[in-house]
Amino acid sequence: MQKKNIFQSRKGAYCIMVIPALVWMVLINIVPMFGIIMAFQDFNPGKGIFRSKFIGLENFEYMFQLKDVSQIFTNTIVIAVGKLLLNVLVPVIFALLLNEIKNVAFKRCIQTVVYLPHFISWVIMGGILLDVFGLYGPVNMVLSALGMEPIAFFRISKLFRTLAIGTDVWKEFGFNAVVYLAALTGISPSLYEAAAIDGAGRWSRMWHITLPGLKPVIVLMTILALGNILNAGFDQIYNIYNQAVYSTGDIIDTWVYRVGLNDLQFSLATAVGLLKSVIGFLMISLSYLIAYKKANYRIF
């Protein structure tokens, strides 16, 4: 029997469909990686990458001497960990509460309302938040009506991390809850019926049936989120922070952007960005290894 050419088989068709995506990935993600050589150079834009002086690890040594670097890593980790924990906890609680609503129309209405913020970009959302929490915004109008002094929320360094974490959770918890709502549909209704016959109330059924049913998904989502521990959200922070909150709000990505493009310290910015990428790669690899061991999750 004559063998089919690979391009005539279904597998071959799939391979052809993947080619544009692979080309795009190479051009956007792989080719630009050549620029990491600037981290080991005293880069001069006039001379270019090929003629700039090679200085080895001097940029990394200088990086660790800067007070700013330790601060931005601390800010990044604190904000990222806060988002990681609450973006698991809040969606789980919301999914559990929503699952208890029996009125289907009301349930869908709530789902739609809480999903909407996810689809608004941080450019728009940042402007809305700055207006809402501004000196003349609705929040301060309420405070003034209560006899309190107006507060410049986004200009107080002690409040910025809380606001950054809280607004991110508010924007994303509805969308993140989709995974847990889907997992809830996989729990057998017969378990709830048997528990109800035995006299178990709603709280007891939630605690002993629903939560154990969600446990594998919660563990998996938490472990996978560890891979993004150094991604505190450039688009969000850049659109809501200012010089007054650099001490608590400046993260790795915003610092690299400012130092690299505004101050033109290309080599230093590249070195910090490369260090973040290496740590991120190790964390992603570790998180997938843990997910495979603990939750039997695999990519292939």
Protein backbone atom coordinates (compact mmCIF):
# COMPACT_ATOMS: atom_id res chain seq x y z
CA MET A 1 0.00 0.00 0.00
CA GLN A 2 1.35 3.41 -0.98
CA LYS A 3 2.36 5.55 1.95
CA LYS A 4 0.78 8.98 2.26
CA ASN A 5 2.97 12.02 1.98
CA ILE A 6 3.16 13.86 5.32
CA PHE A 7 1.52 16.91 3.70
CA GLN A 8 -1.42 14.75 2.58
CA SER A 9 -2.08 13.37 6.08
CA ARG A 10 -4.11 15.01 8.83
CA LYS A 11 -0.96 15.34 10.92
CA GLY A 12 0.73 17.15 8.07
CA ALA A 13 -2.21 19.56 7.78
CA TYR A 14 -1.91 20.37 11.46
CA CYS A 15 1.83 20.99 11.06
CA ILE A 16 1.17 23.42 8.21
CA MET A 17 -1.41 25.27 10.32
CA VAL A 18 1.17 25.69 13.09
CA ILE A 19 3.85 27.20 10.80
CA PRO A 20 2.54 30.83 10.91
CA ALA A 21 2.39 30.70 14.72
CA LEU A 22 5.92 29.30 14.90
CA VAL A 23 7.24 31.98 12.54
CA TRP A 24 5.52 34.67 14.60
CA MET A 25 6.96 33.24 17.83
CA VAL A 26 10.48 33.14 16.39
CA LEU A 27 10.29 36.73 15.09
CA ILE A 28 8.69 38.22 18.22
CA ASN A 29 10.13 36.08 21.03
CA ILE A 30 13.33 34.41 19.81
CA VAL A 31 15.06 36.91 17.50
CA PRO A 32 14.88 39.84 20.00
CA MET A 33 16.70 37.67 22.56
CA PHE A 34 19.90 38.48 20.66
CA GLY A 35 19.69 41.85 22.41
CA ILE A 36 20.57 40.30 25.80
CA ILE A 37 24.20 40.64 24.77
CA MET A 38 23.85 44.30 25.82
CA ALA A 39 23.77 43.10 29.44
CA PHE A 40 27.45 42.19 29.06
CA GLN A 41 28.48 45.35 27.21
CA ASP A 42 29.00 49.03 27.82
CA PHE A 43 26.43 49.58 25.11
CA ASN A 44 26.76 52.67 22.96
CA PRO A 45 23.84 53.30 20.55
CA GLY A 46 26.21 55.06 18.16
CA LYS A 47 28.48 52.03 17.90
CA GLY A 48 25.75 49.39 17.99
CA ILE A 49 25.84 45.92 19.50
CA PHE A 50 28.73 44.62 17.39
CA ARG A 51 31.17 47.42 18.16
CA SER A 52 30.24 48.26 21.78
CA LYS A 53 32.82 47.35 24.42
CA PHE A 54 32.40 43.96 26.11
CA ILE A 55 32.67 44.30 29.92
CA GLY A 56 31.53 40.89 31.15
CA LEU A 57 29.57 40.88 34.41
CA GLU A 58 30.27 44.49 35.41
CA ASN A 59 26.65 45.52 34.84
CA PHE A 60 25.46 42.76 37.16
CA GLU A 61 28.00 43.74 39.84
CA TYR A 62 26.91 47.37 39.58
CA MET A 63 23.25 46.30 39.66
CA PHE A 64 23.64 44.59 43.05
CA GLN A 65 25.29 47.71 44.48
CA LEU A 66 22.24 49.85 43.73
CA LYS A 67 19.76 50.39 46.55
CA ASP A 68 16.96 50.74 43.99
CA VAL A 69 17.40 47.19 42.73
CA SER A 70 16.80 45.53 46.10
CA GLN A 71 13.76 47.80 46.56
CA ILE A 72 12.20 46.99 43.20
CA PHE A 73 12.68 43.24 43.72
CA THR A 74 11.02 43.57 47.15
CA ASN A 75 8.13 45.59 45.71
CA THR A 76 7.70 43.12 42.86
CA ILE A 77 7.61 40.07 45.12
CA VAL A 78 5.27 41.65 47.69
CA ILE A 79 2.78 42.84 45.06
CA ALA A 80 3.01 39.62 43.02
CA VAL A 81 2.55 37.33 46.05
CA GLY A 82 -0.40 39.42 47.26
CA LYS A 83 -2.04 39.15 43.84
CA LEU A 84 -1.26 35.42 43.62
CA LEU A 85 -2.88 34.57 46.95
CA LEU A 86 -5.95 36.79 46.63
CA ASN A 87 -6.50 35.91 42.96
CA VAL A 88 -6.96 32.33 44.13
CA LEU A 89 -8.80 32.92 47.40
CA VAL A 90 -11.34 35.52 46.22
CA PRO A 91 -12.40 33.68 43.01
CA VAL A 92 -12.84 30.45 45.00
CA ILE A 93 -15.06 32.17 47.58
CA PHE A 94 -17.01 33.91 44.82
CA ALA A 95 -17.50 30.65 42.92
CA LEU A 96 -18.73 28.90 46.07
CA LEU A 97 -21.21 31.68 46.84
CA LEU A 98 -22.40 31.91 43.25
CA ASN A 99 -22.89 28.16 43.15
CA GLU A 100 -25.37 28.45 46.03
CA ILE A 101 -27.66 30.77 44.04
CA LYS A 102 -30.56 28.81 42.61
CA ASN A 103 -32.12 31.58 40.50
CA VAL A 104 -30.45 31.00 37.11
CA ALA A 105 -31.31 34.42 35.63
CA PHE A 106 -29.97 36.28 38.69
CA LYS A 107 -26.87 34.06 38.69
CA ARG A 108 -26.09 34.84 35.04
CA CYS A 109 -26.64 38.55 35.64
CA ILE A 110 -24.08 38.57 38.46
CA GLN A 111 -21.60 36.59 36.35
CA THR A 112 -21.88 39.08 33.50
CA VAL A 113 -21.40 42.08 35.78
CA VAL A 114 -18.27 40.71 37.48
CA TYR A 115 -16.75 39.52 34.17
CA LEU A 116 -16.90 42.98 32.55
CA PRO A 117 -13.89 44.63 34.30
CA HIS A 118 -11.58 41.92 32.95
CA PHE A 119 -12.16 43.11 29.39
CA ILE A 120 -11.28 46.75 30.15
CA SER A 121 -7.62 47.58 29.50
CA TRP A 122 -5.50 49.00 32.30
CA VAL A 123 -5.03 52.19 30.29
CA ILE A 124 -8.75 52.91 30.67
CA MET A 125 -9.10 51.28 34.07
CA GLY A 126 -6.14 53.24 35.43
CA GLY A 127 -7.75 56.53 34.43
CA ILE A 128 -11.04 55.48 36.02
CA LEU A 129 -9.36 54.52 39.29
CA LEU A 130 -7.34 57.74 39.44
CA ASP A 131 -10.55 59.71 39.02
CA VAL A 132 -12.55 57.65 41.50
CA PHE A 133 -9.85 57.90 44.20
CA GLY A 134 -8.76 61.43 43.25
CA LEU A 135 -9.02 64.43 45.57
CA TYR A 136 -12.28 65.44 43.92
CA GLY A 137 -13.49 61.93 43.15
CA PRO A 138 -16.53 60.07 44.53
CA VAL A 139 -14.58 58.42 47.36
CA ASN A 140 -13.29 61.72 48.73
CA MET A 141 -16.72 63.30 48.27
CA VAL A 142 -18.14 60.66 50.61
CA LEU A 143 -15.29 61.21 53.09
CA SER A 144 -15.88 64.98 52.99
CA ALA A 145 -19.59 64.44 53.61
CA LEU A 146 -18.64 62.43 56.70
CA GLY A 147 -16.47 65.29 57.94
CA MET A 148 -13.13 63.72 57.04
CA GLU A 149 -10.20 65.28 55.19
CA PRO A 150 -9.70 64.31 51.51
CA ILE A 151 -7.01 61.67 50.92
CA ALA A 152 -4.70 61.49 47.90
CA PHE A 153 -4.87 57.69 47.82
CA PHE A 154 -2.50 57.06 44.92
CA ARG A 155 0.12 59.48 46.25
CA ILE A 156 0.54 57.77 49.63
CA SER A 157 3.31 55.16 49.46
CA LYS A 158 1.92 53.11 52.38
CA LEU A 159 -1.40 52.64 50.59
CA PHE A 160 -0.12 51.97 47.08
CA ARG A 161 0.60 48.23 47.38
CA THR A 162 -2.80 47.62 48.95
CA LEU A 163 -4.52 49.61 46.21
CA ALA A 164 -2.53 47.86 43.46
CA ILE A 165 -3.36 44.40 44.80
CA GLY A 166 -6.97 45.24 45.62
CA THR A 167 -7.79 46.81 42.25
CA ASP A 168 -6.19 43.92 40.36
CA VAL A 169 -8.20 41.36 42.34
CA TRP A 170 -11.39 43.36 41.82
CA LYS A 171 -10.75 43.52 38.06
CA GLU A 172 -9.91 39.83 37.60
CA PHE A 173 -11.75 37.79 40.24
CA GLY A 174 -14.89 37.33 38.14
CA PHE A 175 -12.98 35.98 35.17
CA ASN A 176 -10.69 33.82 37.33
CA ALA A 177 -13.74 32.26 38.95
CA VAL A 178 -14.69 30.65 35.61
CA VAL A 179 -12.20 27.82 36.20
CA TYR A 180 -13.67 27.01 39.60
CA LEU A 181 -17.26 27.27 38.37
CA ALA A 182 -16.36 24.78 35.64
CA ALA A 183 -14.82 22.47 38.23
CA LEU A 184 -17.99 22.65 40.32
CA THR A 185 -20.00 21.18 37.45
CA GLY A 186 -17.82 18.06 37.66
CA ILE A 187 -18.92 17.27 41.22
CA SER A 188 -21.60 14.58 41.22
CA PRO A 189 -25.05 15.86 42.36
CA SER A 190 -25.61 12.47 44.01
CA LEU A 191 -23.07 13.43 46.68
CA TYR A 192 -25.12 16.46 47.64
CA GLU A 193 -28.35 14.44 47.60
CA ALA A 194 -26.86 11.77 49.84
CA ALA A 195 -25.51 14.41 52.24
CA ALA A 196 -28.90 16.17 52.35
CA ILE A 197 -30.64 12.88 53.18
CA ASP A 198 -28.18 12.42 56.04
CA GLY A 199 -29.16 15.84 57.36
CA ALA A 200 -26.16 17.89 56.21
CA GLY A 201 -26.87 21.60 55.78
CA ARG A 202 -25.57 23.92 53.07
CA TRP A 203 -22.45 24.89 55.00
CA SER A 204 -21.65 21.26 55.81
CA ARG A 205 -22.13 20.19 52.19
CA MET A 206 -19.91 23.04 51.00
CA TRP A 207 -17.19 22.20 53.49
CA HIS A 208 -17.17 18.42 53.05
CA ILE A 209 -18.11 18.02 49.37
CA THR A 210 -17.56 21.21 47.38
CA LEU A 211 -14.18 22.26 48.78
CA PRO A 212 -12.62 18.76 48.52
CA GLY A 213 -13.92 18.62 44.94
CA LEU A 214 -12.22 21.94 44.16
CA LYS A 215 -8.98 21.13 45.98
CA PRO A 216 -7.11 19.64 42.96
CA VAL A 217 -7.98 22.68 40.80
CA ILE A 218 -7.03 25.14 43.56
CA VAL A 219 -3.68 23.42 44.07
CA LEU A 220 -3.01 23.32 40.34
CA MET A 221 -3.87 26.98 39.73
CA THR A 222 -1.77 28.09 42.71
CA ILE A 223 1.25 26.08 41.62
CA LEU A 224 1.06 27.33 38.03
CA ALA A 225 0.77 30.93 39.28
CA LEU A 226 4.15 30.55 41.02
CA GLY A 227 5.79 30.77 37.61
CA ASN A 228 4.69 34.42 37.37
CA ILE A 229 5.94 35.41 40.80
CA LEU A 230 8.11 38.20 39.33
CA ASN A 231 5.35 39.56 37.08
CA ALA A 232 3.60 42.13 39.24
CA GLY A 233 1.75 43.70 36.29
CA PHE A 234 3.59 46.36 34.30
CA ASP A 235 0.48 47.63 32.51
CA GLN A 236 -1.39 48.17 35.79
CA ILE A 237 1.46 49.73 37.80
CA TYR A 238 2.64 51.99 34.99
CA ASN A 239 -0.83 53.49 34.59
CA ILE A 240 -1.51 54.22 38.27
CA TYR A 241 1.83 54.98 39.93
CA ASN A 242 3.83 58.21 40.21
CA GLN A 243 7.09 59.50 41.71
CA ALA A 244 5.55 59.84 45.17
CA VAL A 245 5.10 56.05 45.46
CA TYR A 246 8.31 54.79 43.83
CA SER A 247 9.51 53.45 47.19
CA THR A 248 6.66 50.92 47.41
CA GLY A 249 5.22 50.82 43.89
CA ASP A 250 8.20 50.67 41.54
CA ILE A 251 8.54 47.11 40.23
CA ILE A 252 11.17 45.47 38.02
CA ASP A 253 9.36 46.12 34.73
CA THR A 254 8.61 49.79 35.39
CA TRP A 255 12.17 50.39 36.65
CA VAL A 256 13.67 48.73 33.56
CA TYR A 257 11.40 50.82 31.33
CA ARG A 258 12.36 54.04 33.09
CA VAL A 259 16.09 53.36 33.33
CA GLY A 260 16.38 51.88 29.85
CA LEU A 261 14.25 54.24 27.79
CA ASN A 262 14.14 57.43 29.85
CA ASP A 263 17.67 57.42 31.31
CA LEU A 264 19.20 55.60 28.30
CA GLN A 265 21.09 53.10 30.51
CA PHE A 266 20.44 50.27 28.08
CA SER A 267 23.04 47.83 29.43
CA LEU A 268 21.95 48.15 33.07
CA ALA A 269 18.27 47.81 32.18
CA THR A 270 19.03 44.75 30.04
CA ALA A 271 21.00 43.16 32.88
CA VAL A 272 18.13 43.58 35.34
CA GLY A 273 15.63 42.33 32.78
CA LEU A 274 17.81 39.30 32.01
CA LEU A 275 18.13 38.43 35.70
CA LYS A 276 14.35 38.62 36.05
CA SER A 277 13.88 36.40 32.98
CA VAL A 278 16.30 33.76 34.29
CA ILE A 279 14.61 33.66 37.70
CA GLY A 280 11.20 33.58 36.02
CA PHE A 281 12.27 30.66 33.79
CA LEU A 282 13.50 28.71 36.82
CA MET A 283 10.27 29.42 38.71
CA ILE A 284 8.11 28.36 35.75
CA SER A 285 10.11 25.14 35.36
CA LEU A 286 9.81 24.44 39.09
CA SER A 287 6.09 25.21 39.14
CA TYR A 288 5.38 22.82 36.25
CA LEU A 289 7.49 20.13 37.92
CA ILE A 290 5.51 20.53 41.16
CA ALA A 291 2.24 20.58 39.20
CA TYR A 292 3.23 17.30 37.53
CA LYS A 293 4.21 15.68 40.83
CA LYS A 294 1.31 16.95 42.97
CA ALA A 295 -1.57 17.42 40.51
CA ASN A 296 -0.57 15.12 37.63
CA TYR A 297 -0.58 18.10 35.27
CA ARG A 298 1.49 17.90 32.11
CA ILE A 299 1.80 20.04 29.00
CA PHE A 300 2.40 17.11 26.67
